[in-house]
Amino acid sequence: MTLARMSQIKLLLEDAGWSIMLNNKDLYKVFDDQIIWPIRSADGKNLTIVFQLVEDFGNRTESLADLFFFKIDRHEEEFVFRKIKSDQWQEALNQFNKKIASIVANLD
C-alpha cells in the first residue's frame, strides 16, 4: 500500500505541473531513513519532498512499510501516511496540495 500512496503523491505533483527530478528506479531509494524527491515546476521553481521512514524501535530501516510521513523540505507541516481509503489520507493529500501551492505562490 505504501507504493500506492506514493504513486498518488506523484500523480498529484504531476497534475499540478511538477516534475520529479529522478529516474523511476530511484523514486523509492532509501538513504538515511529517508526518500528524497527533488521536484521542479514548469516555471523552474525547485522544492524537495522528504519521505521519512520510522522503525518501531528506533533502528535504521529501509523498509517502505516503515514510511511514516512526508513533508516539503524546510517547512514544518508533516503529512502522515494513513490507510489509503481513509478520510484522513484524503485530507492529508488535500492539505499537501494546498501547502505546495501556497509555497510556490510565495517563491516569486
PDB file of N, CA and C in Angstrom:
ATOM      1  N   MET A   1       0.807  -1.203   0.000  1.00  0.00           N
ATOM      2  CA  MET A   1       0.000   0.000   0.000  1.00  0.00           C
ATOM      3  C   MET A   1       0.850   1.268   0.000  1.00  0.00           C
ATOM      4  N   THR A   2       2.061   1.195   0.520  1.00  0.00           N
ATOM      5  CA  THR A   2       2.917   2.380   0.543  1.00  0.00           C
ATOM      6  C   THR A   2       3.192   2.872  -0.870  1.00  0.00           C
ATOM      7  N   LEU A   3       3.484   1.969  -1.783  1.00  0.00           N
ATOM      8  CA  LEU A   3       3.741   2.363  -3.165  1.00  0.00           C
ATOM      9  C   LEU A   3       2.519   3.031  -3.784  1.00  0.00           C
ATOM     10  N   ALA A   4       1.343   2.549  -3.451  1.00  0.00           N
ATOM     11  CA  ALA A   4       0.118   3.149  -3.981  1.00  0.00           C
ATOM     12  C   ALA A   4      -0.045   4.584  -3.476  1.00  0.00           C
ATOM     13  N   ARG A   5       0.254   4.816  -2.215  1.00  0.00           N
ATOM     14  CA  ARG A   5       0.139   6.187  -1.670  1.00  0.00           C
ATOM     15  C   ARG A   5       1.202   7.094  -2.268  1.00  0.00           C
ATOM     16  N   MET A   6       2.417   6.578  -2.430  1.00  0.00           N
ATOM     17  CA  MET A   6       3.467   7.382  -3.054  1.00  0.00           C
ATOM     18  C   MET A   6       3.110   7.679  -4.513  1.00  0.00           C
ATOM     19  N   SER A   7       2.473   6.737  -5.183  1.00  0.00           N
ATOM     20  CA  SER A   7       2.019   6.969  -6.551  1.00  0.00           C
ATOM     21  C   SER A   7       0.959   8.061  -6.598  1.00  0.00           C
ATOM     22  N   GLN A   8       0.086   8.096  -5.601  1.00  0.00           N
ATOM     23  CA  GLN A   8      -0.910   9.170  -5.526  1.00  0.00           C
ATOM     24  C   GLN A   8      -0.230  10.531  -5.379  1.00  0.00           C
ATOM     25  N   ILE A   9       0.790  10.597  -4.550  1.00  0.00           N
ATOM     26  CA  ILE A   9       1.531  11.853  -4.365  1.00  0.00           C
ATOM     27  C   ILE A   9       2.213  12.246  -5.670  1.00  0.00           C
ATOM     28  N   LYS A  10       2.818  11.282  -6.329  1.00  0.00           N
ATOM     29  CA  LYS A  10       3.491  11.531  -7.613  1.00  0.00           C
ATOM     30  C   LYS A  10       2.504  12.083  -8.629  1.00  0.00           C
ATOM     31  N   LEU A  11       1.338  11.466  -8.753  1.00  0.00           N
ATOM     32  CA  LEU A  11       0.319  11.931  -9.693  1.00  0.00           C
ATOM     33  C   LEU A  11      -0.193  13.317  -9.331  1.00  0.00           C
ATOM     34  N   LEU A  12      -0.384  13.564  -8.045  1.00  0.00           N
ATOM     35  CA  LEU A  12      -0.818  14.884  -7.592  1.00  0.00           C
ATOM     36  C   LEU A  12       0.189  15.946  -8.017  1.00  0.00           C
ATOM     37  N   LEU A  13       1.474  15.661  -7.812  1.00  0.00           N
ATOM     38  CA  LEU A  13       2.522  16.607  -8.214  1.00  0.00           C
ATOM     39  C   LEU A  13       2.516  16.828  -9.724  1.00  0.00           C
ATOM     40  N   GLU A  14       2.450  15.748 -10.477  1.00  0.00           N
ATOM     41  CA  GLU A  14       2.469  15.863 -11.942  1.00  0.00           C
ATOM     42  C   GLU A  14       1.244  16.620 -12.458  1.00  0.00           C
ATOM     43  N   ASP A  15       0.086  16.357 -11.863  1.00  0.00           N
ATOM     44  CA  ASP A  15      -1.135  17.074 -12.264  1.00  0.00           C
ATOM     45  C   ASP A  15      -1.033  18.566 -11.968  1.00  0.00           C
ATOM     46  N   ALA A  16      -0.258  18.918 -10.949  1.00  0.00           N
ATOM     47  CA  ALA A  16      -0.060  20.327 -10.586  1.00  0.00           C
ATOM     48  C   ALA A  16       1.098  20.964 -11.360  1.00  0.00           C
ATOM     49  N   GLY A  17       1.700  20.210 -12.302  1.00  0.00           N
ATOM     50  CA  GLY A  17       2.743  20.768 -13.144  1.00  0.00           C
ATOM     51  C   GLY A  17       4.162  20.581 -12.648  1.00  0.00           C
ATOM     52  N   TRP A  18       4.371  19.689 -11.674  1.00  0.00           N
ATOM     53  CA  TRP A  18       5.700  19.422 -11.140  1.00  0.00           C
ATOM     54  C   TRP A  18       6.316  18.212 -11.820  1.00  0.00           C
ATOM     55  N   SER A  19       7.624  18.208 -11.928  1.00  0.00           N
ATOM     56  CA  SER A  19       8.370  17.044 -12.410  1.00  0.00           C
ATOM     57  C   SER A  19       9.286  16.571 -11.295  1.00  0.00           C
ATOM     58  N   ILE A  20       9.328  15.274 -11.092  1.00  0.00           N
ATOM     59  CA  ILE A  20      10.256  14.706 -10.121  1.00  0.00           C
ATOM     60  C   ILE A  20      11.573  14.492 -10.849  1.00  0.00           C
ATOM     61  N   MET A  21      12.632  15.036 -10.313  1.00  0.00           N
ATOM     62  CA  MET A  21      13.926  15.061 -10.994  1.00  0.00           C
ATOM     63  C   MET A  21      14.747  13.805 -10.702  1.00  0.00           C
ATOM     64  N   LEU A  22      14.094  12.648 -10.782  1.00  0.00           N
ATOM     65  CA  LEU A  22      14.730  11.346 -10.575  1.00  0.00           C
ATOM     66  C   LEU A  22      14.250  10.399 -11.654  1.00  0.00           C
ATOM     67  N   ASN A  23      15.058   9.396 -11.948  1.00  0.00           N
ATOM     68  CA  ASN A  23      14.544   8.360 -12.833  1.00  0.00           C
ATOM     69  C   ASN A  23      13.695   7.401 -11.989  1.00  0.00           C
ATOM     70  N   ASN A  24      12.866   6.615 -12.640  1.00  0.00           N
ATOM     71  CA  ASN A  24      11.902   5.765 -11.936  1.00  0.00           C
ATOM     72  C   ASN A  24      12.543   4.804 -10.950  1.00  0.00           C
ATOM     73  N   LYS A  25      13.734   4.287 -11.257  1.00  0.00           N
ATOM     74  CA  LYS A  25      14.351   3.321 -10.342  1.00  0.00           C
ATOM     75  C   LYS A  25      14.808   3.969  -9.035  1.00  0.00           C
ATOM     76  N   ASP A  26      14.984   5.289  -9.017  1.00  0.00           N
ATOM     77  CA  ASP A  26      15.415   5.980  -7.800  1.00  0.00           C
ATOM     78  C   ASP A  26      14.275   6.591  -6.989  1.00  0.00           C
ATOM     79  N   LEU A  27      13.039   6.478  -7.469  1.00  0.00           N
ATOM     80  CA  LEU A  27      11.907   7.085  -6.768  1.00  0.00           C
ATOM     81  C   LEU A  27      11.725   6.526  -5.352  1.00  0.00           C
ATOM     82  N   TYR A  28      12.092   5.292  -5.138  1.00  0.00           N
ATOM     83  CA  TYR A  28      11.843   4.634  -3.853  1.00  0.00           C
ATOM     84  C   TYR A  28      13.137   4.247  -3.152  1.00  0.00           C
ATOM     85  N   LYS A  29      14.233   4.877  -3.520  1.00  0.00           N
ATOM     86  CA  LYS A  29      15.537   4.581  -2.943  1.00  0.00           C
ATOM     87  C   LYS A  29      15.659   5.235  -1.566  1.00  0.00           C
ATOM     88  N   VAL A  30      15.936   4.411  -0.566  1.00  0.00           N
ATOM     89  CA  VAL A  30      16.042   4.885   0.821  1.00  0.00           C
ATOM     90  C   VAL A  30      17.502   5.135   1.158  1.00  0.00           C
ATOM     91  N   PHE A  31      17.758   6.292   1.758  1.00  0.00           N
ATOM     92  CA  PHE A  31      19.077   6.623   2.271  1.00  0.00           C
ATOM     93  C   PHE A  31      18.897   7.361   3.583  1.00  0.00           C
ATOM     94  N   ASP A  32      19.526   6.864   4.636  1.00  0.00           N
ATOM     95  CA  ASP A  32      19.474   7.515   5.946  1.00  0.00           C
ATOM     96  C   ASP A  32      18.031   7.692   6.427  1.00  0.00           C
ATOM     97  N   ASP A  33      17.235   6.631   6.306  1.00  0.00           N
ATOM     98  CA  ASP A  33      15.838   6.601   6.739  1.00  0.00           C
ATOM     99  C   ASP A  33      14.946   7.594   5.996  1.00  0.00           C
ATOM    100  N   GLN A  34      15.353   8.011   4.804  1.00  0.00           N
ATOM    101  CA  GLN A  34      14.559   8.965   4.039  1.00  0.00           C
ATOM    102  C   GLN A  34      14.552   8.606   2.559  1.00  0.00           C
ATOM    103  N   ILE A  35      13.505   9.064   1.904  1.00  0.00           N
ATOM    104  CA  ILE A  35      13.436   9.071   0.447  1.00  0.00           C
ATOM    105  C   ILE A  35      13.293  10.538   0.071  1.00  0.00           C
ATOM    106  N   ILE A  36      14.133  10.991  -0.836  1.00  0.00           N
ATOM    107  CA  ILE A  36      14.161  12.402  -1.221  1.00  0.00           C
ATOM    108  C   ILE A  36      13.715  12.534  -2.673  1.00  0.00           C
ATOM    109  N   TRP A  37      12.732  13.410  -2.904  1.00  0.00           N
ATOM    110  CA  TRP A  37      12.298  13.722  -4.258  1.00  0.00           C
ATOM    111  C   TRP A  37      12.560  15.192  -4.551  1.00  0.00           C
ATOM    112  N   PRO A  38      13.596  15.516  -5.317  1.00  0.00           N
ATOM    113  CA  PRO A  38      13.741  16.894  -5.794  1.00  0.00           C
ATOM    114  C   PRO A  38      12.701  17.108  -6.894  1.00  0.00           C
ATOM    115  N   ILE A  39      11.951  18.189  -6.791  1.00  0.00           N
ATOM    116  CA  ILE A  39      10.917  18.457  -7.787  1.00  0.00           C
ATOM    117  C   ILE A  39      11.113  19.842  -8.392  1.00  0.00           C
ATOM    118  N   ARG A  40      10.644  19.997  -9.631  1.00  0.00           N
ATOM    119  CA  ARG A  40      10.765  21.278 -10.331  1.00  0.00           C
ATOM    120  C   ARG A  40       9.437  21.594 -11.006  1.00  0.00           C
ATOM    121  N   SER A  41       9.015  22.848 -10.858  1.00  0.00           N
ATOM    122  CA  SER A  41       7.783  23.290 -11.508  1.00  0.00           C
ATOM    123  C   SER A  41       8.066  23.631 -12.966  1.00  0.00           C
ATOM    124  N   ALA A  42       7.014  23.777 -13.744  1.00  0.00           N
ATOM    125  CA  ALA A  42       7.152  24.112 -15.159  1.00  0.00           C
ATOM    126  C   ALA A  42       7.868  25.444 -15.354  1.00  0.00           C
ATOM    127  N   ASP A  43       7.744  26.351 -14.371  1.00  0.00           N
ATOM    128  CA  ASP A  43       8.412  27.654 -14.488  1.00  0.00           C
ATOM    129  C   ASP A  43       9.763  27.688 -13.781  1.00  0.00           C
ATOM    130  N   GLY A  44      10.306  26.505 -13.460  1.00  0.00           N
ATOM    131  CA  GLY A  44      11.676  26.406 -12.960  1.00  0.00           C
ATOM    132  C   GLY A  44      11.867  26.549 -11.458  1.00  0.00           C
ATOM    133  N   LYS A  45      10.805  26.536 -10.678  1.00  0.00           N
ATOM    134  CA  LYS A  45      10.946  26.604  -9.217  1.00  0.00           C
ATOM    135  C   LYS A  45      11.277  25.212  -8.689  1.00  0.00           C
ATOM    136  N   ASN A  46      12.138  25.158  -7.681  1.00  0.00           N
ATOM    137  CA  ASN A  46      12.599  23.886  -7.126  1.00  0.00           C
ATOM    138  C   ASN A  46      12.185  23.741  -5.672  1.00  0.00           C
ATOM    139  N   LEU A  47      11.748  22.542  -5.326  1.00  0.00           N
ATOM    140  CA  LEU A  47      11.447  22.167  -3.945  1.00  0.00           C
ATOM    141  C   LEU A  47      11.939  20.734  -3.744  1.00  0.00           C
ATOM    142  N   THR A  48      11.937  20.314  -2.507  1.00  0.00           N
ATOM    143  CA  THR A  48      12.317  18.944  -2.186  1.00  0.00           C
ATOM    144  C   THR A  48      11.255  18.342  -1.276  1.00  0.00           C
ATOM    145  N   ILE A  49      10.782  17.160  -1.652  1.00  0.00           N
ATOM    146  CA  ILE A  49       9.849  16.403  -0.824  1.00  0.00           C
ATOM    147  C   ILE A  49      10.665  15.350  -0.083  1.00  0.00           C
ATOM    148  N   VAL A  50      10.459  15.272   1.230  1.00  0.00           N
ATOM    149  CA  VAL A  50      11.187  14.324   2.074  1.00  0.00           C
ATOM    150  C   VAL A  50      10.186  13.343   2.670  1.00  0.00           C
ATOM    151  N   PHE A  51      10.400  12.059   2.396  1.00  0.00           N
ATOM    152  CA  PHE A  51       9.607  10.989   2.987  1.00  0.00           C
ATOM    153  C   PHE A  51      10.432  10.394   4.124  1.00  0.00           C
ATOM    154  N   GLN A  52       9.856  10.333   5.302  1.00  0.00           N
ATOM    155  CA  GLN A  52      10.578   9.863   6.480  1.00  0.00           C
ATOM    156  C   GLN A  52      10.108   8.471   6.874  1.00  0.00           C
ATOM    157  N   LEU A  53      11.065   7.562   7.017  1.00  0.00           N
ATOM    158  CA  LEU A  53      10.777   6.221   7.494  1.00  0.00           C
ATOM    159  C   LEU A  53      11.111   6.161   8.975  1.00  0.00           C
ATOM    160  N   VAL A  54      10.267   5.479   9.755  1.00  0.00           N
ATOM    161  CA  VAL A  54      10.485   5.353  11.191  1.00  0.00           C
ATOM    162  C   VAL A  54      10.260   3.896  11.574  1.00  0.00           C
ATOM    163  N   GLU A  55      11.285   3.260  12.103  1.00  0.00           N
ATOM    164  CA  GLU A  55      11.195   1.870  12.551  1.00  0.00           C
ATOM    165  C   GLU A  55      10.689   1.864  13.983  1.00  0.00           C
ATOM    166  N   ASP A  56       9.879   0.886  14.330  1.00  0.00           N
ATOM    167  CA  ASP A  56       9.230   0.844  15.646  1.00  0.00           C
ATOM    168  C   ASP A  56      10.172   1.028  16.827  1.00  0.00           C
ATOM    169  N   PHE A  57      11.351   0.461  16.762  1.00  0.00           N
ATOM    170  CA  PHE A  57      12.251   0.502  17.911  1.00  0.00           C
ATOM    171  C   PHE A  57      13.385   1.508  17.724  1.00  0.00           C
ATOM    172  N   GLY A  58      13.230   2.411  16.771  1.00  0.00           N
ATOM    173  CA  GLY A  58      14.233   3.439  16.555  1.00  0.00           C
ATOM    174  C   GLY A  58      15.458   2.988  15.786  1.00  0.00           C
ATOM    175  N   ASN A  59      15.414   1.773  15.275  1.00  0.00           N
ATOM    176  CA  ASN A  59      16.536   1.268  14.481  1.00  0.00           C
ATOM    177  C   ASN A  59      16.503   1.845  13.076  1.00  0.00           C
ATOM    178  N   ARG A  60      17.603   1.738  12.363  1.00  0.00           N
ATOM    179  CA  ARG A  60      17.660   2.163  10.963  1.00  0.00           C
ATOM    180  C   ARG A  60      16.764   1.238  10.150  1.00  0.00           C
ATOM    181  N   THR A  61      16.178   1.787   9.100  1.00  0.00           N
ATOM    182  CA  THR A  61      15.271   0.991   8.285  1.00  0.00           C
ATOM    183  C   THR A  61      15.364   1.406   6.826  1.00  0.00           C
ATOM    184  N   GLU A  62      15.119   0.457   5.966  1.00  0.00           N
ATOM    185  CA  GLU A  62      14.989   0.724   4.542  1.00  0.00           C
ATOM    186  C   GLU A  62      13.687   0.155   4.002  1.00  0.00           C
ATOM    187  N   SER A  63      12.837  -0.319   4.898  1.00  0.00           N
ATOM    188  CA  SER A  63      11.573  -0.921   4.509  1.00  0.00           C
ATOM    189  C   SER A  63      10.523   0.154   4.233  1.00  0.00           C
ATOM    190  N   LEU A  64       9.948   0.126   3.031  1.00  0.00           N
ATOM    191  CA  LEU A  64       8.906   1.096   2.708  1.00  0.00           C
ATOM    192  C   LEU A  64       7.692   0.969   3.622  1.00  0.00           C
ATOM    193  N   ALA A  65       7.524  -0.184   4.234  1.00  0.00           N
ATOM    194  CA  ALA A  65       6.432  -0.366   5.192  1.00  0.00           C
ATOM    195  C   ALA A  65       6.598   0.549   6.401  1.00  0.00           C
ATOM    196  N   ASP A  66       7.815   1.048   6.628  1.00  0.00           N
ATOM    197  CA  ASP A  66       8.077   1.936   7.762  1.00  0.00           C
ATOM    198  C   ASP A  66       7.919   3.413   7.418  1.00  0.00           C
ATOM    199  N   LEU A  67       7.399   3.707   6.225  1.00  0.00           N
ATOM    200  CA  LEU A  67       7.179   5.088   5.839  1.00  0.00           C
ATOM    201  C   LEU A  67       6.118   5.684   6.755  1.00  0.00           C
ATOM    202  N   PHE A  68       6.433   6.801   7.387  1.00  0.00           N
ATOM    203  CA  PHE A  68       5.547   7.368   8.393  1.00  0.00           C
ATOM    204  C   PHE A  68       4.922   8.687   7.951  1.00  0.00           C
ATOM    205  N   PHE A  69       5.727   9.593   7.393  1.00  0.00           N
ATOM    206  CA  PHE A  69       5.181  10.865   6.941  1.00  0.00           C
ATOM    207  C   PHE A  69       6.028  11.428   5.819  1.00  0.00           C
ATOM    208  N   PHE A  70       5.523  12.475   5.189  1.00  0.00           N
ATOM    209  CA  PHE A  70       6.296  13.217   4.203  1.00  0.00           C
ATOM    210  C   PHE A  70       6.072  14.698   4.444  1.00  0.00           C
ATOM    211  N   LYS A  71       7.016  15.496   3.955  1.00  0.00           N
ATOM    212  CA  LYS A  71       6.911  16.944   4.112  1.00  0.00           C
ATOM    213  C   LYS A  71       7.702  17.636   3.016  1.00  0.00           C
ATOM    214  N   ILE A  72       7.496  18.913   2.920  1.00  0.00           N
ATOM    215  CA  ILE A  72       8.260  19.748   2.000  1.00  0.00           C
ATOM    216  C   ILE A  72       9.456  20.254   2.792  1.00  0.00           C
ATOM    217  N   ASP A  73      10.652  20.009   2.279  1.00  0.00           N
ATOM    218  CA  ASP A  73      11.869  20.388   2.985  1.00  0.00           C
ATOM    219  C   ASP A  73      11.836  21.867   3.376  1.00  0.00           C
ATOM    220  N   ARG A  74      12.305  22.144   4.580  1.00  0.00           N
ATOM    221  CA  ARG A  74      12.367  23.484   5.165  1.00  0.00           C
ATOM    222  C   ARG A  74      11.001  24.049   5.532  1.00  0.00           C
ATOM    223  N   HIS A  75      10.005  23.172   5.656  1.00  0.00           N
ATOM    224  CA  HIS A  75       8.666  23.568   6.093  1.00  0.00           C
ATOM    225  C   HIS A  75       8.241  22.604   7.200  1.00  0.00           C
ATOM    226  N   GLU A  76       7.549  23.136   8.170  1.00  0.00           N
ATOM    227  CA  GLU A  76       7.217  22.381   9.382  1.00  0.00           C
ATOM    228  C   GLU A  76       6.162  21.294   9.194  1.00  0.00           C
ATOM    229  N   GLU A  77       5.146  21.565   8.416  1.00  0.00           N
ATOM    230  CA  GLU A  77       3.990  20.683   8.345  1.00  0.00           C
ATOM    231  C   GLU A  77       4.354  19.301   7.816  1.00  0.00           C
ATOM    232  N   GLU A  78       3.910  18.282   8.538  1.00  0.00           N
ATOM    233  CA  GLU A  78       4.129  16.892   8.154  1.00  0.00           C
ATOM    234  C   GLU A  78       2.797  16.281   7.739  1.00  0.00           C
ATOM    235  N   PHE A  79       2.841  15.447   6.723  1.00  0.00           N
ATOM    236  CA  PHE A  79       1.652  14.785   6.205  1.00  0.00           C
ATOM    237  C   PHE A  79       1.807  13.293   6.468  1.00  0.00           C
ATOM    238  N   VAL A  80       1.066  12.807   7.449  1.00  0.00           N
ATOM    239  CA  VAL A  80       1.216  11.440   7.940  1.00  0.00           C
ATOM    240  C   VAL A  80       0.516  10.458   7.005  1.00  0.00           C
ATOM    241  N   PHE A  81       1.217   9.353   6.742  1.00  0.00           N
ATOM    242  CA  PHE A  81       0.637   8.284   5.934  1.00  0.00           C
ATOM    243  C   PHE A  81      -0.467   7.603   6.739  1.00  0.00           C
ATOM    244  N   ARG A  82      -1.631   7.482   6.115  1.00  0.00           N
ATOM    245  CA  ARG A  82      -2.786   6.806   6.721  1.00  0.00           C
ATOM    246  C   ARG A  82      -3.259   5.724   5.758  1.00  0.00           C
ATOM    247  N   LYS A  83      -4.266   4.996   6.171  1.00  0.00           N
ATOM    248  CA  LYS A  83      -4.843   3.982   5.274  1.00  0.00           C
ATOM    249  C   LYS A  83      -5.328   4.676   4.010  1.00  0.00           C
ATOM    250  N   ILE A  84      -5.058   4.063   2.874  1.00  0.00           N
ATOM    251  CA  ILE A  84      -5.259   4.708   1.575  1.00  0.00           C
ATOM    252  C   ILE A  84      -6.714   5.107   1.321  1.00  0.00           C
ATOM    253  N   LYS A  85      -7.656   4.379   1.868  1.00  0.00           N
ATOM    254  CA  LYS A  85      -9.070   4.697   1.623  1.00  0.00           C
ATOM    255  C   LYS A  85      -9.686   5.532   2.743  1.00  0.00           C
ATOM    256  N   SER A  86      -8.877   5.996   3.667  1.00  0.00           N
ATOM    257  CA  SER A  86      -9.421   6.740   4.802  1.00  0.00           C
ATOM    258  C   SER A  86      -9.629   8.214   4.465  1.00  0.00           C
ATOM    259  N   ASP A  87     -10.554   8.819   5.162  1.00  0.00           N
ATOM    260  CA  ASP A  87     -10.781  10.259   5.026  1.00  0.00           C
ATOM    261  C   ASP A  87      -9.549  11.043   5.445  1.00  0.00           C
ATOM    262  N   GLN A  88      -8.829  10.543   6.458  1.00  0.00           N
ATOM    263  CA  GLN A  88      -7.628  11.229   6.935  1.00  0.00           C
ATOM    264  C   GLN A  88      -6.564  11.305   5.840  1.00  0.00           C
ATOM    265  N   TRP A  89      -6.414  10.234   5.053  1.00  0.00           N
ATOM    266  CA  TRP A  89      -5.432  10.236   3.970  1.00  0.00           C
ATOM    267  C   TRP A  89      -5.841  11.223   2.881  1.00  0.00           C
ATOM    268  N   GLN A  90      -7.105  11.231   2.520  1.00  0.00           N
ATOM    269  CA  GLN A  90      -7.572  12.186   1.508  1.00  0.00           C
ATOM    270  C   GLN A  90      -7.380  13.620   1.992  1.00  0.00           C
ATOM    271  N   GLU A  91      -7.627  13.852   3.261  1.00  0.00           N
ATOM    272  CA  GLU A  91      -7.415  15.184   3.826  1.00  0.00           C
ATOM    273  C   GLU A  91      -5.930  15.550   3.802  1.00  0.00           C
ATOM    274  N   ALA A  92      -5.050  14.602   4.107  1.00  0.00           N
ATOM    275  CA  ALA A  92      -3.605  14.858   4.053  1.00  0.00           C
ATOM    276  C   ALA A  92      -3.182  15.239   2.640  1.00  0.00           C
ATOM    277  N   LEU A  93      -3.702  14.535   1.635  1.00  0.00           N
ATOM    278  CA  LEU A  93      -3.381  14.868   0.243  1.00  0.00           C
ATOM    279  C   LEU A  93      -3.881  16.268  -0.121  1.00  0.00           C
ATOM    280  N   ASN A  94      -5.100  16.589   0.306  1.00  0.00           N
ATOM    281  CA  ASN A  94      -5.647  17.923   0.031  1.00  0.00           C
ATOM    282  C   ASN A  94      -4.816  19.009   0.701  1.00  0.00           C
ATOM    283  N   GLN A  95      -4.430  18.789   1.939  1.00  0.00           N
ATOM    284  CA  GLN A  95      -3.621  19.777   2.663  1.00  0.00           C
ATOM    285  C   GLN A  95      -2.244  19.934   2.016  1.00  0.00           C
ATOM    286  N   PHE A  96      -1.661  18.837   1.584  1.00  0.00           N
ATOM    287  CA  PHE A  96      -0.376  18.893   0.897  1.00  0.00           C
ATOM    288  C   PHE A  96      -0.493  19.702  -0.393  1.00  0.00           C
ATOM    289  N   ASN A  97      -1.540  19.452  -1.157  1.00  0.00           N
ATOM    290  CA  ASN A  97      -1.763  20.174  -2.408  1.00  0.00           C
ATOM    291  C   ASN A  97      -1.884  21.681  -2.145  1.00  0.00           C
ATOM    292  N   LYS A  98      -2.630  22.053  -1.120  1.00  0.00           N
ATOM    293  CA  LYS A  98      -2.777  23.475  -0.763  1.00  0.00           C
ATOM    294  C   LYS A  98      -1.446  24.063  -0.302  1.00  0.00           C
ATOM    295  N   LYS A  99      -0.710  23.302   0.497  1.00  0.00           N
ATOM    296  CA  LYS A  99       0.565  23.790   1.032  1.00  0.00           C
ATOM    297  C   LYS A  99       1.567  24.040  -0.084  1.00  0.00           C
ATOM    298  N   ILE A 100       1.690  23.096  -1.001  1.00  0.00           N
ATOM    299  CA  ILE A 100       2.668  23.267  -2.074  1.00  0.00           C
ATOM    300  C   ILE A 100       2.291  24.444  -2.968  1.00  0.00           C
ATOM    301  N   ALA A 101       0.991  24.628  -3.192  1.00  0.00           N
ATOM    302  CA  ALA A 101       0.532  25.777  -3.995  1.00  0.00           C
ATOM    303  C   ALA A 101       0.849  27.096  -3.299  1.00  0.00           C
ATOM    304  N   SER A 102       0.673  27.152  -1.983  1.00  0.00           N
ATOM    305  CA  SER A 102       0.950  28.392  -1.255  1.00  0.00           C
ATOM    306  C   SER A 102       2.455  28.696  -1.200  1.00  0.00           C
ATOM    307  N   ILE A 103       3.262  27.655  -1.110  1.00  0.00           N
ATOM    308  CA  ILE A 103       4.715  27.854  -1.105  1.00  0.00           C
ATOM    309  C   ILE A 103       5.167  28.415  -2.452  1.00  0.00           C
ATOM    310  N   VAL A 104       4.651  27.818  -3.527  1.00  0.00           N
ATOM    311  CA  VAL A 104       5.031  28.263  -4.871  1.00  0.00           C
ATOM    312  C   VAL A 104       4.617  29.719  -5.078  1.00  0.00           C
ATOM    313  N   ALA A 105       3.447  30.081  -4.617  1.00  0.00           N
ATOM    314  CA  ALA A 105       2.971  31.456  -4.775  1.00  0.00           C
ATOM    315  C   ALA A 105       3.910  32.441  -4.067  1.00  0.00           C
ATOM    316  N   ASN A 106       4.537  32.014  -2.989  1.00  0.00           N
ATOM    317  CA  ASN A 106       5.429  32.881  -2.223  1.00  0.00           C
ATOM    318  C   ASN A 106       6.885  32.817  -2.671  1.00  0.00           C
ATOM    319  N   LEU A 107       7.207  31.966  -3.644  1.00  0.00           N
ATOM    320  CA  LEU A 107       8.585  31.874  -4.142  1.00  0.00           C
ATOM    321  C   LEU A 107       8.928  32.978  -5.136  1.00  0.00           C
ATOM    322  N   ASP A 108       7.928  33.678  -5.621  1.00  0.00           N
ATOM    323  CA  ASP A 108       8.198  34.725  -6.625  1.00  0.00           C
ATOM    324  C   ASP A 108       9.038  35.849  -6.093  1.00  0.00           C
TER     325      ASP A 108
END
